[in-house]
Amino acid sequence: MDRSDMMHTMYDKKGPAVAKNFEKRGFAAWYCPTKEEALAKAVSLIPETDVVSWGGSTSIVEMGLYDYVKAHNPVLDRDTAKTPEERMEIMRKGLTCDTFIMSTNAATQDGQLFNIDGNGNRTAALIFGPKQVIVIAGMNKVEPTLEAAIARARSTAAPINAQRFGIPTPCNTNGMCADCLSPQSICNQMVRTRRNSGPQGRIKVILVGENLGY
């Protein structure tokens, strides 16, 4: 068995247990061994009449969900904006959409989410507004403790996101979190979601037995 096979075997053993821990906290949760199965599960949860918006996520692009909703649903896509003001207005409207899709910067084995945001629109939608939120999380984002999840979000996800968007933060320069107060900081909002908010199962978590995002 090669290293990749061993990783997937570990995910297949751990994933269902982590999903059950999310359910104990009021989330709806599933474990899907592959991104293809995860895409099918996500699609089954989104009526074609739903207005869909999203937070920037490499994971939802990698699994094909981004392209699917743009082809099958009315969407609120901030990237279609022609001005900064229009972009902000689309993000505001996204807070009252039917379905909001996103990933998470980190998750814990006991069923919590931890996210860092620059503008705050993604974390705001997670907390309140959209009728349902679907969170896609590769098992590579699941950490054993909350402390490890916070460290992952700040020291792995944030520096890579700064690089991805070309933002001149200290972590983009040296690859390490400097707990900066830079005006360009993308770590303005840090949100621990320890339990589903709103009606039972409003936040739906799909764990994927592959490495998605970062």
Protein backbone atom coordinates (compact mmCIF):
# COMPACT_ATOMS: atom_id res chain seq x y z
CA MET A 1 0.00 0.00 0.00
CA ASP A 2 1.53 3.33 -1.04
CA ARG A 3 1.42 6.52 0.97
CA SER A 4 -1.63 7.89 -0.88
CA ASP A 5 -3.60 4.69 -0.29
CA MET A 6 -2.71 4.74 3.41
CA MET A 7 -3.89 8.36 3.69
CA HIS A 8 -7.23 7.53 2.07
CA THR A 9 -7.65 4.49 4.33
CA MET A 10 -7.08 6.71 7.36
CA TYR A 11 -9.62 9.23 6.06
CA ASP A 12 -12.17 6.46 5.46
CA LYS A 13 -11.78 5.29 9.05
CA LYS A 14 -11.84 8.71 10.65
CA GLY A 15 -14.32 10.55 8.41
CA PRO A 16 -17.59 8.88 9.52
CA ALA A 17 -16.71 9.39 13.19
CA VAL A 18 -15.98 13.09 12.63
CA ALA A 19 -19.30 13.45 10.78
CA LYS A 20 -21.11 11.95 13.77
CA ASN A 21 -19.38 14.47 16.05
CA PHE A 22 -20.68 17.30 13.87
CA GLU A 23 -24.18 15.83 14.13
CA LYS A 24 -23.93 15.89 17.93
CA ARG A 25 -23.50 19.66 17.64
CA GLY A 26 -26.63 20.17 15.53
CA PHE A 27 -25.01 20.17 12.10
CA ALA A 28 -26.14 17.91 9.28
CA ALA A 29 -23.01 16.03 8.24
CA TRP A 30 -21.84 13.38 5.79
CA TYR A 31 -18.58 11.69 4.90
CA CYS A 32 -17.94 11.09 1.19
CA PRO A 33 -14.82 9.11 0.22
CA THR A 34 -14.33 10.97 -3.08
CA LYS A 35 -14.91 14.47 -4.41
CA GLU A 36 -17.26 13.00 -7.04
CA GLU A 37 -19.46 11.55 -4.32
CA ALA A 38 -19.23 14.81 -2.39
CA LEU A 39 -20.36 16.75 -5.47
CA ALA A 40 -23.37 14.45 -5.90
CA LYS A 41 -24.30 14.89 -2.22
CA ALA A 42 -23.99 18.69 -2.41
CA VAL A 43 -26.08 18.83 -5.60
CA SER A 44 -28.80 16.74 -3.94
CA LEU A 45 -29.09 19.40 -1.22
CA ILE A 46 -29.51 22.39 -3.56
CA PRO A 47 -32.88 22.85 -5.31
CA GLU A 48 -32.47 24.32 -8.80
CA THR A 49 -34.71 27.23 -7.77
CA ASP A 50 -32.34 28.24 -4.95
CA VAL A 51 -30.38 31.46 -5.32
CA VAL A 52 -26.80 30.46 -4.57
CA SER A 53 -23.80 32.48 -3.47
CA TRP A 54 -20.43 31.49 -2.08
CA GLY A 55 -17.30 32.46 -0.24
CA GLY A 56 -14.02 32.23 -2.11
CA SER A 57 -12.96 28.58 -1.95
CA THR A 58 -10.46 26.47 -3.84
CA SER A 59 -12.22 23.35 -2.51
CA ILE A 60 -15.56 24.07 -4.16
CA VAL A 61 -13.75 24.80 -7.42
CA GLU A 62 -11.68 21.59 -7.24
CA MET A 63 -14.75 19.39 -6.66
CA GLY A 64 -16.75 20.99 -9.49
CA LEU A 65 -19.51 22.52 -7.34
CA TYR A 66 -18.69 26.09 -8.40
CA ASP A 67 -19.22 25.26 -12.09
CA TYR A 68 -22.33 23.20 -11.32
CA VAL A 69 -24.27 25.93 -9.52
CA LYS A 70 -23.31 28.55 -12.09
CA ALA A 71 -24.80 26.28 -14.78
CA HIS A 72 -27.93 25.17 -12.90
CA ASN A 73 -28.93 27.88 -10.41
CA PRO A 74 -29.55 31.60 -10.22
CA VAL A 75 -26.37 32.89 -8.59
CA LEU A 76 -24.95 35.95 -6.89
CA ASP A 77 -21.39 36.07 -8.23
CA ARG A 78 -19.28 38.96 -6.96
CA ASP A 79 -16.72 38.34 -9.69
CA THR A 80 -19.22 39.63 -12.28
CA ALA A 81 -19.18 43.09 -10.69
CA LYS A 82 -17.88 45.95 -12.79
CA THR A 83 -17.08 48.27 -9.87
CA PRO A 84 -15.98 47.84 -6.24
CA GLU A 85 -19.34 49.23 -5.14
CA GLU A 86 -21.24 46.66 -7.19
CA ARG A 87 -19.03 43.89 -5.84
CA MET A 88 -19.82 44.94 -2.28
CA GLU A 89 -23.54 45.04 -3.04
CA ILE A 90 -23.46 41.51 -4.45
CA MET A 91 -21.68 40.30 -1.31
CA ARG A 92 -24.36 41.95 0.83
CA LYS A 93 -27.11 40.25 -1.16
CA GLY A 94 -25.31 36.94 -0.65
CA LEU A 95 -26.11 37.16 3.05
CA THR A 96 -29.79 36.57 2.27
CA CYS A 97 -29.46 33.93 -0.46
CA ASP A 98 -31.10 30.51 -0.24
CA THR A 99 -27.91 28.44 -0.28
CA PHE A 100 -24.42 29.65 0.58
CA ILE A 101 -21.52 27.33 -0.25
CA MET A 102 -18.06 27.55 1.25
CA SER A 103 -15.18 25.57 2.62
CA THR A 104 -13.58 26.01 6.02
CA ASN A 105 -10.05 26.94 6.97
CA ALA A 106 -9.99 24.16 9.54
CA ALA A 107 -12.22 21.69 11.38
CA THR A 108 -11.78 19.65 14.52
CA GLN A 109 -12.27 15.97 15.16
CA ASP A 110 -14.92 16.78 17.77
CA GLY A 111 -17.05 18.64 15.21
CA GLN A 112 -16.18 22.35 15.21
CA LEU A 113 -15.29 24.78 12.43
CA PHE A 114 -12.67 27.52 12.55
CA ASN A 115 -12.50 30.24 9.92
CA ILE A 116 -10.49 33.37 9.26
CA ASP A 117 -11.85 36.12 7.02
CA GLY A 118 -10.68 39.43 5.64
CA ASN A 119 -13.95 41.11 4.60
CA GLY A 120 -16.09 38.95 6.86
CA ASN A 121 -18.78 38.15 4.28
CA ARG A 122 -18.04 34.43 4.36
CA THR A 123 -18.07 34.13 8.14
CA ALA A 124 -21.11 36.41 8.35
CA ALA A 125 -23.07 34.10 6.02
CA LEU A 126 -21.98 31.08 8.03
CA ILE A 127 -23.30 32.65 11.22
CA PHE A 128 -26.60 34.11 10.03
CA GLY A 129 -28.62 34.94 6.92
CA PRO A 130 -28.74 32.30 4.18
CA LYS A 131 -31.40 29.61 4.61
CA GLN A 132 -28.72 26.93 4.46
CA VAL A 133 -24.94 26.85 4.37
CA ILE A 134 -23.07 23.93 2.80
CA VAL A 135 -19.50 23.56 4.00
CA ILE A 136 -17.14 21.39 1.93
CA ALA A 137 -14.07 20.21 3.84
CA GLY A 138 -11.34 17.89 2.67
CA MET A 139 -10.14 15.61 5.46
CA ASN A 140 -6.74 17.31 5.22
CA LYS A 141 -8.37 20.21 7.09
CA VAL A 142 -9.47 18.13 10.09
CA GLU A 143 -7.26 18.65 13.13
CA PRO A 144 -7.28 16.79 16.47
CA THR A 145 -7.89 19.88 18.63
CA LEU A 146 -9.24 23.41 18.39
CA GLU A 147 -5.76 24.77 19.09
CA ALA A 148 -4.38 22.80 16.14
CA ALA A 149 -7.24 24.01 13.93
CA ILE A 150 -6.50 27.64 14.82
CA ALA A 151 -2.81 27.09 14.11
CA ARG A 152 -3.67 25.52 10.76
CA ALA A 153 -5.93 28.41 9.77
CA ARG A 154 -3.38 31.06 10.74
CA SER A 155 -0.13 29.38 9.71
CA THR A 156 -1.17 27.37 6.64
CA ALA A 157 -4.40 28.68 5.11
CA ALA A 158 -3.89 32.42 5.66
CA PRO A 159 -0.36 32.68 4.20
CA ILE A 160 -1.37 30.67 1.13
CA ASN A 161 -4.47 32.82 0.63
CA ALA A 162 -2.33 35.96 0.89
CA GLN A 163 -0.07 34.51 -1.80
CA ARG A 164 -3.04 33.46 -3.94
CA PHE A 165 -4.46 36.97 -4.02
CA GLY A 166 -1.10 38.78 -4.06
CA ILE A 167 -1.79 40.60 -0.80
CA PRO A 168 1.33 42.28 0.67
CA THR A 169 1.11 40.92 4.21
CA PRO A 170 4.07 39.72 6.31
CA CYS A 171 2.91 36.10 5.92
CA ASN A 172 3.05 36.48 2.14
CA THR A 173 6.62 37.73 2.44
CA ASN A 174 8.02 35.09 4.80
CA GLY A 175 5.36 32.36 4.87
CA MET A 176 4.72 32.73 8.60
CA CYS A 177 1.96 34.40 10.59
CA ALA A 178 3.22 37.59 12.24
CA ASP A 179 -0.07 38.39 14.01
CA CYS A 180 0.05 41.53 11.90
CA LEU A 181 -2.05 44.67 12.10
CA SER A 182 -1.48 45.45 8.45
CA PRO A 183 -4.28 47.36 6.65
CA GLN A 184 -4.17 44.54 4.11
CA SER A 185 -4.59 41.82 6.75
CA ILE A 186 -6.86 38.95 5.73
CA CYS A 187 -7.17 37.82 9.35
CA ASN A 188 -9.64 40.45 10.55
CA GLN A 189 -12.37 38.03 11.60
CA MET A 190 -11.67 34.77 13.43
CA VAL A 191 -14.76 32.66 13.98
CA ARG A 192 -15.11 29.45 15.93
CA THR A 193 -18.37 27.67 15.13
CA ARG A 194 -18.80 25.22 17.99
CA ARG A 195 -22.43 24.40 17.20
CA ASN A 196 -24.90 24.76 14.33
CA SER A 197 -26.67 28.13 14.38
CA GLY A 198 -30.34 28.48 13.49
CA PRO A 199 -32.65 25.54 12.73
CA GLN A 200 -31.29 22.02 13.20
CA GLY A 201 -29.07 21.19 10.25
CA ARG A 202 -29.00 24.70 8.76
CA ILE A 203 -25.23 24.30 8.45
CA LYS A 204 -24.44 21.17 6.44
CA VAL A 205 -20.92 19.77 6.48
CA ILE A 206 -19.66 17.45 3.75
CA LEU A 207 -16.34 15.85 4.67
CA VAL A 208 -14.37 14.56 1.70
CA GLY A 209 -11.84 11.74 1.88
CA GLU A 210 -9.38 13.59 -0.32
CA ASN A 211 -7.05 16.55 0.05
CA LEU A 212 -9.01 19.61 -1.07
CA GLY A 213 -7.92 23.21 -0.79
CA TYR A 214 -5.24 24.12 1.71
